[in-house]
C-alpha atoms as a PDB file:
ATOM      1  CA  MET A   1      11.265 169.848  -2.413  1.00  0.00           C
ATOM      2  CA  THR A   2       8.553 172.471  -3.334  1.00  0.00           C
ATOM      3  CA  ARG A   3      10.934 174.682  -5.082  1.00  0.00           C
ATOM      4  CA  PRO A   4      12.778 173.164  -7.893  1.00  0.00           C
ATOM      5  CA  ASN A   5      16.262 173.574  -7.846  1.00  0.00           C
ATOM      6  CA  LEU A   6      16.842 175.345  -4.319  1.00  0.00           C
ATOM      7  CA  ASP A   7      15.454 172.352  -2.082  1.00  0.00           C
ATOM      8  CA  LEU A   8      16.762 169.657  -4.762  1.00  0.00           C
ATOM      9  CA  ALA A   9      18.894 169.724  -7.695  1.00  0.00           C
ATOM     10  CA  GLY A  10      17.604 168.410 -11.237  1.00  0.00           C
ATOM     11  CA  GLN A  11      16.264 168.998 -14.474  1.00  0.00           C
ATOM     12  CA  GLN A  12      13.466 171.720 -14.376  1.00  0.00           C
ATOM     13  CA  TRP A  13      11.313 169.447 -15.928  1.00  0.00           C
ATOM     14  CA  ALA A  14      11.776 166.519 -13.743  1.00  0.00           C
ATOM     15  CA  LEU A  15      11.446 168.350 -10.472  1.00  0.00           C
ATOM     16  CA  TYR A  16       7.934 169.724 -11.685  1.00  0.00           C
ATOM     17  CA  SER A  17       7.202 166.432 -13.075  1.00  0.00           C
ATOM     18  CA  LEU A  18       8.073 165.199  -9.382  1.00  0.00           C
ATOM     19  CA  ARG A  19       6.147 168.148  -7.921  1.00  0.00           C
ATOM     20  CA  ILE A  20       3.189 166.890  -9.668  1.00  0.00           C
ATOM     21  CA  LEU A  21       3.257 163.563  -8.726  1.00  0.00           C
ATOM     22  CA  ILE A  22       3.652 164.097  -5.108  1.00  0.00           C
ATOM     23  CA  VAL A  23       0.187 166.468  -5.410  1.00  0.00           C
ATOM     24  CA  PHE A  24      -1.619 163.788  -6.491  1.00  0.00           C
ATOM     25  CA  ALA A  25       0.056 161.201  -4.427  1.00  0.00           C
ATOM     26  CA  LEU A  26      -0.893 163.599  -1.322  1.00  0.00           C
ATOM     27  CA  ALA A  27      -4.295 164.119  -2.852  1.00  0.00           C
ATOM     28  CA  ASP A  28      -5.006 160.191  -2.958  1.00  0.00           C
ATOM     29  CA  ILE A  29      -3.690 159.845   0.551  1.00  0.00           C
ATOM     30  CA  SER A  30      -5.625 162.545   2.004  1.00  0.00           C
ATOM     31  CA  LEU A  31      -8.851 161.060   0.327  1.00  0.00           C
ATOM     32  CA  ARG A  32      -8.425 157.656   1.291  1.00  0.00           C
ATOM     33  CA  TRP A  33      -7.125 157.924   4.812  1.00  0.00           C
ATOM     34  CA  ILE A  34      -8.929 161.383   6.201  1.00  0.00           C
ATOM     35  CA  GLU A  35     -11.851 162.311   3.980  1.00  0.00           C
ATOM     36  CA  LEU A  36     -13.635 159.150   3.111  1.00  0.00           C
ATOM     37  CA  PRO A  37     -13.452 157.692   6.625  1.00  0.00           C
ATOM     38  CA  ILE A  38     -14.377 161.549   8.313  1.00  0.00           C
ATOM     39  CA  ARG A  39     -17.579 161.366   5.148  1.00  0.00           C
ATOM     40  CA  SER A  40     -18.743 157.828   6.292  1.00  0.00           C
ATOM     41  CA  GLY A  41     -18.511 158.145   9.853  1.00  0.00           C
ATOM     42  CA  VAL A  42     -15.641 155.504  10.328  1.00  0.00           C
ATOM     43  CA  ILE A  43     -13.898 157.975  12.969  1.00  0.00           C
ATOM     44  CA  GLN A  44     -17.238 158.703  14.712  1.00  0.00           C
ATOM     45  CA  TYR A  45     -17.802 154.935  14.927  1.00  0.00           C
ATOM     46  CA  TRP A  46     -14.280 154.043  16.257  1.00  0.00           C
ATOM     47  CA  PHE A  47     -14.434 156.702  19.276  1.00  0.00           C
ATOM     48  CA  LYS A  48     -18.182 155.303  19.983  1.00  0.00           C
ATOM     49  CA  GLY A  49     -16.616 151.687  19.964  1.00  0.00           C
ATOM     50  CA  LEU A  50     -13.888 152.330  22.490  1.00  0.00           C
ATOM     51  CA  LYS A  51     -16.281 152.362  25.479  1.00  0.00           C
ATOM     52  CA  TYR A  52     -17.283 148.393  23.875  1.00  0.00           C
ATOM     53  CA  ARG A  53     -13.353 147.683  24.182  1.00  0.00           C
ATOM     54  CA  THR A  54     -11.379 146.037  26.733  1.00  0.00           C
ATOM     55  CA  LYS A  55      -9.414 148.783  29.325  1.00  0.00           C
ATOM     56  CA  SER A  56      -6.219 147.334  27.649  1.00  0.00           C
ATOM     57  CA  GLU A  57      -7.306 147.905  24.344  1.00  0.00           C
ATOM     58  CA  ARG A  58      -8.433 151.376  25.058  1.00  0.00           C
ATOM     59  CA  ARG A  59      -5.124 152.212  26.847  1.00  0.00           C
ATOM     60  CA  LYS A  60      -3.370 150.537  23.850  1.00  0.00           C
ATOM     61  CA  GLN A  61      -4.912 152.867  21.506  1.00  0.00           C
ATOM     62  CA  LYS A  62      -4.671 155.899  23.001  1.00  0.00           C
ATOM     63  CA  LEU A  63      -0.955 155.222  23.483  1.00  0.00           C
ATOM     64  CA  THR A  64      -0.521 154.414  19.582  1.00  0.00           C
ATOM     65  CA  PHE A  65      -2.393 157.437  18.782  1.00  0.00           C
ATOM     66  CA  SER A  66      -0.740 159.856  21.245  1.00  0.00           C
ATOM     67  CA  LEU A  67       2.661 158.307  20.011  1.00  0.00           C
ATOM     68  CA  ILE A  68       1.687 159.519  16.453  1.00  0.00           C
ATOM     69  CA  GLY A  69       1.051 163.089  17.711  1.00  0.00           C
ATOM     70  CA  VAL A  70       4.137 163.102  19.106  1.00  0.00           C
ATOM     71  CA  VAL A  71       6.147 162.047  16.487  1.00  0.00           C
ATOM     72  CA  ILE A  72       4.417 164.167  14.144  1.00  0.00           C
ATOM     73  CA  ALA A  73       4.745 167.683  16.073  1.00  0.00           C
ATOM     74  CA  LEU A  74       8.074 166.704  16.348  1.00  0.00           C
ATOM     75  CA  LEU A  75       8.569 166.123  12.620  1.00  0.00           C
ATOM     76  CA  ALA A  76       7.242 169.332  12.401  1.00  0.00           C
ATOM     77  CA  SER A  77       9.142 171.239  14.569  1.00  0.00           C
ATOM     78  CA  LEU A  78      12.231 169.779  13.174  1.00  0.00           C
ATOM     79  CA  ILE A  79      11.228 170.694   9.661  1.00  0.00           C
ATOM     80  CA  SER A  80      10.531 174.245  10.889  1.00  0.00           C
ATOM     81  CA  VAL A  81      13.873 174.720  13.026  1.00  0.00           C
ATOM     82  CA  ARG A  82      15.627 173.671   9.870  1.00  0.00           C
ATOM     83  CA  ALA A  83      13.744 176.294   7.531  1.00  0.00           C
ATOM     84  CA  ILE A  84      14.706 179.160  10.379  1.00  0.00           C
ATOM     85  CA  GLU A  85      18.668 177.691  10.447  1.00  0.00           C
ATOM     86  CA  ILE A  86      18.797 177.649   6.978  1.00  0.00           C
ATOM     87  CA  GLY A  87      17.480 181.627   6.805  1.00  0.00           C
ATOM     88  CA  ASN A  88      19.719 182.547   9.435  1.00  0.00           C
ATOM     89  CA  GLN A  89      22.827 181.227   7.292  1.00  0.00           C
ATOM     90  CA  GLU A  90      21.609 182.683   3.932  1.00  0.00           C
ATOM     91  CA  ARG A  91      21.152 186.186   5.686  1.00  0.00           C
ATOM     92  CA  ALA A  92      24.270 185.729   7.730  1.00  0.00           C
ATOM     93  CA  ALA A  93      25.999 185.204   4.582  1.00  0.00           C
ATOM     94  CA  LEU A  94      24.371 187.978   2.816  1.00  0.00           C
ATOM     95  CA  LYS A  95      25.415 190.527   5.709  1.00  0.00           C
ATOM     96  CA  ALA A  96      29.374 189.407   5.707  1.00  0.00           C
ATOM     97  CA  SER A  97      29.451 189.840   2.148  1.00  0.00           C
ATOM     98  CA  LEU A  98      27.691 193.169   2.207  1.00  0.00           C
ATOM     99  CA  GLU A  99      30.137 194.201   5.318  1.00  0.00           C
ATOM    100  CA  SER A 100      33.265 192.346   4.639  1.00  0.00           C
ATOM    101  CA  THR A 101      36.394 194.474   3.153  1.00  0.00           C
ATOM    102  CA  PRO A 102      37.306 192.380   0.201  1.00  0.00           C
ATOM    103  CA  THR A 103      41.335 191.161   0.134  1.00  0.00           C
ATOM    104  CA  ILE A 104      42.867 192.764  -2.786  1.00  0.00           C
ATOM    105  CA  SER A 105      46.209 190.986  -3.724  1.00  0.00           C
ATOM    106  CA  ALA A 106      47.338 192.467  -6.976  1.00  0.00           C
ATOM    107  CA  ARG A 107      46.234 195.990  -7.030  1.00  0.00           C
ATOM    108  CA  THR A 108      47.307 198.164 -10.126  1.00  0.00           C
ATOM    109  CA  GLU A 109      46.852 201.118 -12.059  1.00  0.00           C
ATOM    110  CA  ASN A 110      44.794 199.538 -14.897  1.00  0.00           C
ATOM    111  CA  GLY A 111      42.550 196.949 -12.952  1.00  0.00           C
ATOM    112  CA  LEU A 112      38.919 196.830 -12.973  1.00  0.00           C
ATOM    113  CA  TRP A 113      36.973 199.839 -11.673  1.00  0.00           C
ATOM    114  CA  ILE A 114      33.924 198.550  -9.616  1.00  0.00           C
ATOM    115  CA  THR A 115      31.170 200.789  -8.528  1.00  0.00           C
ATOM    116  CA  GLY A 116      27.101 200.081  -8.019  1.00  0.00           C
ATOM    117  CA  ASP A 117      24.621 199.202  -5.542  1.00  0.00           C
ATOM    118  CA  SER A 118      24.539 196.408  -2.902  1.00  0.00           C
ATOM    119  CA  VAL A 119      24.603 193.487  -5.035  1.00  0.00           C
ATOM    120  CA  ILE A 120      27.997 194.994  -6.158  1.00  0.00           C
ATOM    121  CA  LEU A 121      29.064 194.937  -2.630  1.00  0.00           C
ATOM    122  CA  GLY A 122      28.144 191.369  -2.199  1.00  0.00           C
ATOM    123  CA  ILE A 123      30.335 190.354  -5.224  1.00  0.00           C
ATOM    124  CA  ARG A 124      33.460 192.327  -4.785  1.00  0.00           C
ATOM    125  CA  ALA A 125      35.256 190.394  -2.496  1.00  0.00           C
ATOM    126  CA  GLN A 126      34.806 187.233  -4.762  1.00  0.00           C
ATOM    127  CA  LEU A 127      35.371 189.538  -7.861  1.00  0.00           C
ATOM    128  CA  SER A 128      38.679 190.633  -6.119  1.00  0.00           C
ATOM    129  CA  GLU A 129      40.211 186.972  -6.077  1.00  0.00           C
ATOM    130  CA  ALA A 130      39.650 186.832  -9.889  1.00  0.00           C
ATOM    131  CA  THR A 131      40.897 189.735 -11.461  1.00  0.00           C
ATOM    132  CA  ASP A 132      42.927 192.684 -10.360  1.00  0.00           C
ATOM    133  CA  VAL A 133      40.773 195.499  -9.013  1.00  0.00           C
ATOM    134  CA  SER A 134      41.683 199.554  -8.991  1.00  0.00           C
ATOM    135  CA  LEU A 135      38.771 200.901  -7.336  1.00  0.00           C
ATOM    136  CA  VAL A 136      35.834 199.871  -5.601  1.00  0.00           C
ATOM    137  CA  ASN A 137      32.853 202.090  -4.991  1.00  0.00           C
ATOM    138  CA  ALA A 138      29.686 200.810  -4.269  1.00  0.00           C
ATOM    139  CA  ARG A 139      26.706 201.308  -1.688  1.00  0.00           C
ATOM    140  CA  ILE A 140      23.797 199.938  -0.290  1.00  0.00           C
ATOM    141  CA  GLY A 141      20.538 201.372  -1.970  1.00  0.00           C
ATOM    142  CA  ARG A 142      22.646 203.580  -4.598  1.00  0.00           C
ATOM    143  CA  GLN A 143      20.394 205.089  -7.664  1.00  0.00           C
ATOM    144  CA  ALA A 144      20.911 206.279 -10.729  1.00  0.00           C
ATOM    145  CA  ALA A 145      21.443 209.815 -10.068  1.00  0.00           C
ATOM    146  CA  GLU A 146      23.998 208.678  -6.978  1.00  0.00           C
ATOM    147  CA  LEU A 147      26.008 206.297  -9.443  1.00  0.00           C
ATOM    148  CA  LEU A 148      26.652 209.277 -12.054  1.00  0.00           C
ATOM    149  CA  ASP A 149      27.747 211.667  -9.313  1.00  0.00           C
ATOM    150  CA  VAL A 150      29.941 209.033  -8.228  1.00  0.00           C
ATOM    151  CA  ILE A 151      31.184 207.913 -11.617  1.00  0.00           C
ATOM    152  CA  VAL A 152      32.241 211.715 -12.717  1.00  0.00           C
ATOM    153  CA  LYS A 153      34.109 212.031  -9.302  1.00  0.00           C
ATOM    154  CA  ASP A 154      36.049 208.652  -9.547  1.00  0.00           C
ATOM    155  CA  LYS A 155      36.864 208.253 -13.206  1.00  0.00           C
ATOM    156  CA  ALA A 156      39.995 210.376 -13.019  1.00  0.00           C
ATOM    157  CA  GLN A 157      41.350 207.836 -10.552  1.00  0.00           C
ATOM    158  CA  VAL A 158      41.045 205.390 -13.356  1.00  0.00           C
ATOM    159  CA  PRO A 159      41.185 206.622 -16.550  1.00  0.00           C
ATOM    160  CA  GLU A 160      42.710 203.436 -18.253  1.00  0.00           C
ATOM    161  CA  SER A 161      40.641 200.981 -16.231  1.00  0.00           C
ATOM    162  CA  PRO A 162      37.867 198.944 -17.386  1.00  0.00           C
ATOM    163  CA  VAL A 163      34.883 199.565 -15.547  1.00  0.00           C
ATOM    164  CA  LEU A 164      31.666 197.470 -14.078  1.00  0.00           C
ATOM    165  CA  PHE A 165      28.518 198.313 -12.402  1.00  0.00           C
ATOM    166  CA  ASN A 166      25.411 197.209 -12.475  1.00  0.00           C
ATOM    167  CA  LEU A 167      22.364 199.148 -13.262  1.00  0.00           C
ATOM    168  CA  GLY A 168      18.217 199.512 -12.733  1.00  0.00           C
ATOM    169  CA  ASN A 169      17.781 197.752  -9.499  1.00  0.00           C
ATOM    170  CA  ASN A 170      16.620 200.588  -6.851  1.00  0.00           C
ATOM    171  CA  ASN A 171      14.649 202.654  -9.315  1.00  0.00           C
ATOM    172  CA  ALA A 172      13.000 203.422 -12.370  1.00  0.00           C
ATOM    173  CA  LEU A 173      15.701 204.616 -14.889  1.00  0.00           C
ATOM    174  CA  THR A 174      15.151 207.834 -17.591  1.00  0.00           C
ATOM    175  CA  ARG A 175      16.763 208.225 -20.817  1.00  0.00           C
ATOM    176  CA  GLU A 176      18.666 211.066 -19.664  1.00  0.00           C
ATOM    177  CA  GLN A 177      20.171 209.352 -16.636  1.00  0.00           C
ATOM    178  CA  VAL A 178      21.074 206.141 -18.995  1.00  0.00           C
ATOM    179  CA  VAL A 179      22.331 208.254 -21.399  1.00  0.00           C
ATOM    180  CA  ALA A 180      24.441 210.405 -18.682  1.00  0.00           C
ATOM    181  CA  ILE A 181      26.156 207.255 -17.298  1.00  0.00           C
ATOM    182  CA  PHE A 182      26.890 206.026 -20.446  1.00  0.00           C
ATOM    183  CA  GLU A 183      28.702 209.397 -21.760  1.00  0.00           C
ATOM    184  CA  ALA A 184      30.554 209.757 -18.519  1.00  0.00           C
ATOM    185  CA  VAL A 185      32.567 205.867 -18.740  1.00  0.00           C
ATOM    186  CA  LYS A 186      32.252 205.704 -22.884  1.00  0.00           C
ATOM    187  CA  ASP A 187      36.167 206.801 -22.653  1.00  0.00           C
ATOM    188  CA  GLN A 188      37.172 204.202 -20.658  1.00  0.00           C
ATOM    189  CA  PRO A 189      38.586 200.886 -22.180  1.00  0.00           C
ATOM    190  CA  GLN A 190      35.937 198.516 -21.474  1.00  0.00           C
ATOM    191  CA  VAL A 191      32.374 199.099 -20.150  1.00  0.00           C
ATOM    192  CA  ILE A 192      30.785 196.081 -18.368  1.00  0.00           C
ATOM    193  CA  VAL A 193      26.968 197.003 -17.230  1.00  0.00           C
ATOM    194  CA  VAL A 194      24.743 194.202 -15.615  1.00  0.00           C
ATOM    195  CA  ASN A 195      21.281 194.957 -16.000  1.00  0.00           C
ATOM    196  CA  THR A 196      18.624 194.080 -13.107  1.00  0.00           C
ATOM    197  CA  ALA A 197      16.887 191.237 -12.169  1.00  0.00           C
ATOM    198  CA  VAL A 198      14.968 192.641  -9.258  1.00  0.00           C
ATOM    199  CA  PRO A 199      11.184 191.357  -8.652  1.00  0.00           C
ATOM    200  CA  ARG A 200      10.033 194.978  -9.187  1.00  0.00           C
ATOM    201  CA  PRO A 201       7.302 196.666 -11.489  1.00  0.00           C
ATOM    202  CA  TRP A 202      10.443 198.426 -13.314  1.00  0.00           C
ATOM    203  CA  ARG A 203      12.670 195.467 -14.120  1.00  0.00           C
ATOM    204  CA  ASP A 204      11.768 194.988 -17.941  1.00  0.00           C
ATOM    205  CA  THR A 205      11.269 198.883 -19.007  1.00  0.00           C
ATOM    206  CA  ASN A 206      14.847 199.337 -17.101  1.00  0.00           C
ATOM    207  CA  ASN A 207      16.633 196.782 -19.224  1.00  0.00           C
ATOM    208  CA  SER A 208      14.793 197.794 -22.355  1.00  0.00           C
ATOM    209  CA  LEU A 209      15.911 201.223 -22.069  1.00  0.00           C
ATOM    210  CA  ILE A 210      19.556 200.054 -20.786  1.00  0.00           C
ATOM    211  CA  GLY A 211      20.030 197.575 -23.950  1.00  0.00           C
ATOM    212  CA  GLU A 212      18.666 200.184 -26.431  1.00  0.00           C
ATOM    213  CA  VAL A 213      21.346 202.638 -25.051  1.00  0.00           C
ATOM    214  CA  ALA A 214      24.066 200.483 -24.427  1.00  0.00           C
ATOM    215  CA  SER A 215      23.827 199.595 -28.445  1.00  0.00           C
ATOM    216  CA  GLN A 216      25.034 203.064 -29.054  1.00  0.00           C
ATOM    217  CA  TYR A 217      28.580 202.539 -27.110  1.00  0.00           C
ATOM    218  CA  PRO A 218      30.681 199.651 -28.835  1.00  0.00           C
ATOM    219  CA  ARG A 219      32.785 200.021 -25.698  1.00  0.00           C
ATOM    220  CA  VAL A 220      29.704 198.209 -23.310  1.00  0.00           C
ATOM    221  CA  ASN A 221      29.491 194.786 -22.883  1.00  0.00           C
ATOM    222  CA  ILE A 222      26.046 193.818 -21.098  1.00  0.00           C
ATOM    223  CA  VAL A 223      25.703 191.109 -19.124  1.00  0.00           C
ATOM    224  CA  ASP A 224      22.230 189.948 -19.050  1.00  0.00           C
ATOM    225  CA  TRP A 225      21.602 189.065 -15.547  1.00  0.00           C
ATOM    226  CA  ASN A 226      18.037 188.912 -15.725  1.00  0.00           C
ATOM    227  CA  SER A 227      18.160 186.383 -18.404  1.00  0.00           C
ATOM    228  CA  ILE A 228      20.933 184.449 -16.702  1.00  0.00           C
ATOM    229  CA  SER A 229      19.214 183.988 -13.144  1.00  0.00           C
ATOM    230  CA  GLU A 230      15.375 183.301 -14.594  1.00  0.00           C
ATOM    231  CA  GLY A 231      14.314 180.251 -13.293  1.00  0.00           C
ATOM    232  CA  HIS A 232      17.294 180.363 -10.872  1.00  0.00           C
ATOM    233  CA  PRO A 233      15.891 181.134  -7.760  1.00  0.00           C
ATOM    234  CA  GLU A 234      19.053 179.333  -5.425  1.00  0.00           C
ATOM    235  CA  TYR A 235      21.018 182.136  -6.756  1.00  0.00           C
ATOM    236  CA  PHE A 236      18.877 184.738  -4.376  1.00  0.00           C
ATOM    237  CA  ALA A 237      18.546 185.574  -0.910  1.00  0.00           C
ATOM    238  CA  PRO A 238      14.690 185.959   0.163  1.00  0.00           C
ATOM    239  CA  ASP A 239      14.194 189.358  -0.715  1.00  0.00           C
ATOM    240  CA  GLY A 240      14.901 188.171  -4.629  1.00  0.00           C
ATOM    241  CA  VAL A 241      17.608 191.156  -4.947  1.00  0.00           C
ATOM    242  CA  HIS A 242      20.628 190.058  -3.234  1.00  0.00           C
ATOM    243  CA  LEU A 243      22.791 187.248  -3.698  1.00  0.00           C
ATOM    244  CA  VAL A 244      23.742 183.966  -2.118  1.00  0.00           C
ATOM    245  CA  PRO A 245      27.124 182.125  -2.544  1.00  0.00           C
ATOM    246  CA  THR A 246      25.949 180.394  -5.382  1.00  0.00           C
ATOM    247  CA  GLY A 247      24.554 183.517  -7.409  1.00  0.00           C
ATOM    248  CA  VAL A 248      27.881 185.354  -6.587  1.00  0.00           C
ATOM    249  CA  SER A 249      29.928 182.420  -7.927  1.00  0.00           C
ATOM    250  CA  VAL A 250      27.525 182.837 -11.003  1.00  0.00           C
ATOM    251  CA  TYR A 251      27.238 186.527 -11.488  1.00  0.00           C
ATOM    252  CA  VAL A 252      30.899 186.732 -11.240  1.00  0.00           C
ATOM    253  CA  ALA A 253      31.661 184.007 -13.853  1.00  0.00           C
ATOM    254  CA  GLU A 254      29.308 185.971 -16.304  1.00  0.00           C
ATOM    255  CA  ILE A 255      31.344 189.003 -15.749  1.00  0.00           C
ATOM    256  CA  MET A 256      34.760 187.057 -16.347  1.00  0.00           C
ATOM    257  CA  LYS A 257      33.535 186.004 -19.398  1.00  0.00           C
ATOM    258  CA  VAL A 258      33.251 189.233 -20.914  1.00  0.00           C
ATOM    259  CA  LEU A 259      35.837 191.130 -19.230  1.00  0.00           C
ATOM    260  CA  SER A 260      38.840 191.497 -21.540  1.00  0.00           C
END
C-alpha cells in the first residue's frame, strides 16, 4: 500500500491521500500508545507494580505480552516472506522473458524487423503474437555503436520490413550515433523508435536528441515510453529498466498503436 499502483490499484490522487492519512493515523497511535506512556513513566510504573500483583495476575499479564510479541513476530515474518516471494517471481518472469525463444506463428518476408537490447528481448515473444515478425536481433546491454553495426548488417535481409528498435537505455548517445542509425533505416517502410525511461543521468538528454533527430525523418514514429511509463512503477522490475508482464503488455500495445 506504500507504493501507489504497485501494491494497490486506484487513482493516483486517492492513493497518495490514503498514504497521508495512514501516516497521520500511525503518528497518532505512536504518540498515544508509545511516546506519551514512556514519557509519563506509565510503563516504568507498570513494571514496578508487577511485584505487588498476585502470582496468577503476573503470569496472565506476562503470557498476554508474550502472545502479542509472538503475533507481531509472525506477522513480520509473513510479510517478509511474501515480499521475498514476489521479488523472486518478478526475477523469474524477467529471466524467462529474456531467455525464451519466441514462437512466430506466421513468418512473412515483410514482417516486423525487431532489434535492440534486453528490453526488446523481454517483449519480443508477446510482440510476435500480435504481429508478423521477420527478424529479431537483440542482445543484453547493447549500446548504440553495436546497434548501428547490427542494423547495417541485417537490413539486407529485410529490405521491405518496418523496423522497430529502442534507443538510449545503455549509454549516453552522441548526435553522430543517432544520425547514423536513422540514416541506416531511413529507407524502411516504417521506422518505430522507443525512447528510454531508464533511471540514469543520460535519460532526458538522450530522449531530447532522439526526438530532435527523428523529426527530420518522415517515416519515423516515436513511442515516448518515458512519458507513457511515468508514474507507473508497476510496469518495471526492481531495477527500474526491465519490464514485468504488466509493463510488457503496455509496451507492446503502444507499439501496435503506431505500427502501420
